[in-house]
Amino acid sequence: MSETHDHEHAGHEEEGFGVALGFRIFEADGGIYMAEAEVSSYVDDPNSLGATLVFHSLTELDPTSAPDEDDEELGWRIDIDDELTRTEGSPMREQFHGILRQLAGLSEDDLRAYLTQAREESGMEEEESAE
C-alpha cells in the first residue's frame, strides 16, 4: 500500500515513501469528489509524519472507458500539517493512527472548506469564474 511520491515541505521537493489513501467521497458545488490523504515523513525530519489532502473530481469519470494517461487528473492539493494534532517524533505507527483518526473525524463541511481553499491556492476559482 506504500508508494513513492513527492512530499513538499518548506519549499523542498524530494522523493520519499508514504501512503496515499482515498478516504471519503462527497458532493460540493454540484460535483462529486474523492478526498485522498497522502501521509509521509517530512523531508527535513524523517521521524515526523505530515499529511496532504488531495481532491479528485469524479464528476466526469466514466468507469466504462479506458484510462487516458495523458489526461490524468492530479487534483487540488492542500497541506494540513498545521491543523494536525500529534506528537512529532513519537513512534511512526502512533503518529499514523492519530492522523487517520483525525481524517476520519473530518466532516463533509470541513472537506468542502479544504477543497475551496485548495482551489483558491491553485487559482482554480479564478479560472472557473472567468468561464
Protein backbone atom coordinates (compact mmCIF):
# COMPACT_ATOMS: atom_id res chain seq x y z
CA MET A 1 0.00 0.00 0.00
CA SER A 2 3.00 2.28 0.35
CA GLU A 3 4.14 4.16 -2.68
CA THR A 4 6.88 6.53 -3.69
CA HIS A 5 5.73 10.12 -4.07
CA ASP A 6 6.87 13.68 -3.61
CA HIS A 7 6.05 15.48 -0.37
CA GLU A 8 6.80 19.16 -0.25
CA HIS A 9 7.90 20.75 2.98
CA ALA A 10 9.43 24.17 3.44
CA GLY A 11 9.92 24.61 -0.29
CA HIS A 12 11.82 21.33 -0.72
CA GLU A 13 10.68 18.63 -3.09
CA GLU A 14 12.33 15.25 -2.67
CA GLU A 15 11.30 11.67 -3.25
CA GLY A 16 10.25 9.62 -0.25
CA PHE A 17 7.91 6.89 0.90
CA GLY A 18 4.40 7.37 2.14
CA VAL A 19 0.84 6.17 1.92
CA ALA A 20 -1.87 7.61 -0.32
CA LEU A 21 -5.41 6.56 0.54
CA GLY A 22 -8.82 7.74 -0.58
CA PHE A 23 -10.97 8.12 2.48
CA ARG A 24 -14.19 9.92 1.59
CA ILE A 25 -16.45 10.67 -1.37
CA PHE A 26 -18.59 13.79 -1.01
CA GLU A 27 -20.53 16.36 -3.03
CA ALA A 28 -19.70 20.05 -3.36
CA ASP A 29 -21.00 22.73 -5.72
CA GLY A 30 -22.83 20.18 -7.87
CA GLY A 31 -19.76 17.96 -8.30
CA ILE A 32 -18.66 14.67 -6.79
CA TYR A 33 -15.17 14.48 -5.27
CA MET A 34 -12.90 11.93 -3.64
CA ALA A 35 -10.79 13.14 -0.75
CA GLU A 36 -7.40 11.41 -0.70
CA ALA A 37 -4.78 11.76 2.00
CA GLU A 38 -1.06 11.45 1.37
CA VAL A 39 0.75 10.70 4.62
CA SER A 40 4.55 10.73 4.62
CA SER A 41 7.51 11.79 6.69
CA TYR A 42 8.91 15.28 6.40
CA VAL A 43 11.93 15.77 4.18
CA ASP A 44 13.79 17.59 6.95
CA ASP A 45 12.54 15.39 9.83
CA PRO A 46 12.13 11.72 8.84
CA ASN A 47 10.79 10.91 12.33
CA SER A 48 7.67 13.06 11.93
CA LEU A 49 4.68 12.47 9.69
CA GLY A 50 2.67 15.08 7.83
CA ALA A 51 -0.38 14.95 5.59
CA THR A 52 -1.61 16.49 2.37
CA LEU A 53 -5.21 16.36 1.22
CA VAL A 54 -5.76 15.82 -2.50
CA PHE A 55 -9.21 16.29 -4.00
CA HIS A 56 -10.08 14.46 -7.22
CA SER A 57 -13.18 15.30 -9.26
CA LEU A 58 -15.24 12.20 -10.03
CA THR A 59 -17.98 14.10 -11.84
CA GLU A 60 -16.77 13.39 -15.38
CA LEU A 61 -15.30 9.96 -14.62
CA ASP A 62 -16.62 7.23 -16.95
CA PRO A 63 -15.95 3.79 -15.45
CA THR A 64 -16.53 2.10 -18.83
CA SER A 65 -13.81 3.96 -20.74
CA ALA A 66 -10.13 3.08 -20.82
CA PRO A 67 -7.91 5.33 -18.71
CA ASP A 68 -6.13 8.01 -20.68
CA GLU A 69 -2.68 8.57 -19.17
CA ASP A 70 -2.31 11.91 -20.96
CA ASP A 71 -5.45 13.23 -19.28
CA GLU A 72 -4.55 12.28 -15.72
CA GLU A 73 -6.31 14.48 -13.15
CA LEU A 74 -3.85 15.41 -10.42
CA GLY A 75 -6.45 17.10 -8.24
CA TRP A 76 -6.23 20.04 -5.90
CA ARG A 77 -3.70 19.75 -3.05
CA ILE A 78 -3.52 21.33 0.37
CA ASP A 79 -1.08 20.54 3.18
CA ILE A 80 -2.83 20.14 6.52
CA ASP A 81 0.23 19.60 8.72
CA ASP A 82 -0.51 22.69 10.82
CA GLU A 83 -4.07 21.52 11.54
CA LEU A 84 -2.99 18.08 12.79
CA THR A 85 -2.67 17.28 16.47
CA ARG A 86 0.10 14.77 17.01
CA THR A 87 3.33 14.23 18.87
CA GLU A 88 6.06 14.67 16.30
CA GLY A 89 8.92 12.25 16.88
CA SER A 90 6.70 9.66 18.60
CA PRO A 91 6.61 6.17 17.05
CA MET A 92 5.51 6.31 13.41
CA ARG A 93 2.60 3.93 13.95
CA GLU A 94 1.20 6.16 16.72
CA GLN A 95 1.54 9.27 14.52
CA PHE A 96 -0.08 7.48 11.58
CA HIS A 97 -3.03 6.22 13.63
CA GLY A 98 -3.51 9.70 15.09
CA ILE A 99 -3.60 11.22 11.61
CA LEU A 100 -6.06 8.54 10.41
CA ARG A 101 -8.37 9.23 13.35
CA GLN A 102 -8.36 12.93 12.57
CA LEU A 103 -9.06 12.29 8.87
CA ALA A 104 -11.97 10.03 9.82
CA GLY A 105 -13.32 12.82 12.00
CA LEU A 106 -13.40 15.44 9.23
CA SER A 107 -16.96 16.40 8.37
CA GLU A 108 -18.19 16.98 4.83
CA ASP A 109 -18.30 20.71 5.65
CA ASP A 110 -14.62 20.52 6.66
CA LEU A 111 -13.78 18.79 3.38
CA ARG A 112 -15.73 21.37 1.37
CA ALA A 113 -13.81 24.16 3.11
CA TYR A 114 -10.46 22.47 2.40
CA LEU A 115 -11.50 21.91 -1.25
CA THR A 116 -12.39 25.59 -1.61
CA GLN A 117 -9.06 26.61 -0.06
CA ALA A 118 -7.10 24.19 -2.28
CA ARG A 119 -8.87 25.52 -5.38
CA GLU A 120 -8.17 29.11 -4.37
CA GLU A 121 -4.50 28.37 -3.76
CA SER A 122 -4.23 26.73 -7.20
CA GLY A 123 -6.01 29.63 -8.92
CA MET A 124 -8.91 27.36 -9.91
CA GLU A 125 -11.61 29.68 -8.53
CA GLU A 126 -10.42 32.49 -10.80
CA GLU A 127 -10.45 30.20 -13.87
CA GLU A 128 -13.99 28.94 -13.13
CA SER A 129 -15.41 32.44 -12.60
CA ALA A 130 -13.87 33.59 -15.91
CA GLU A 131 -15.81 30.90 -17.85
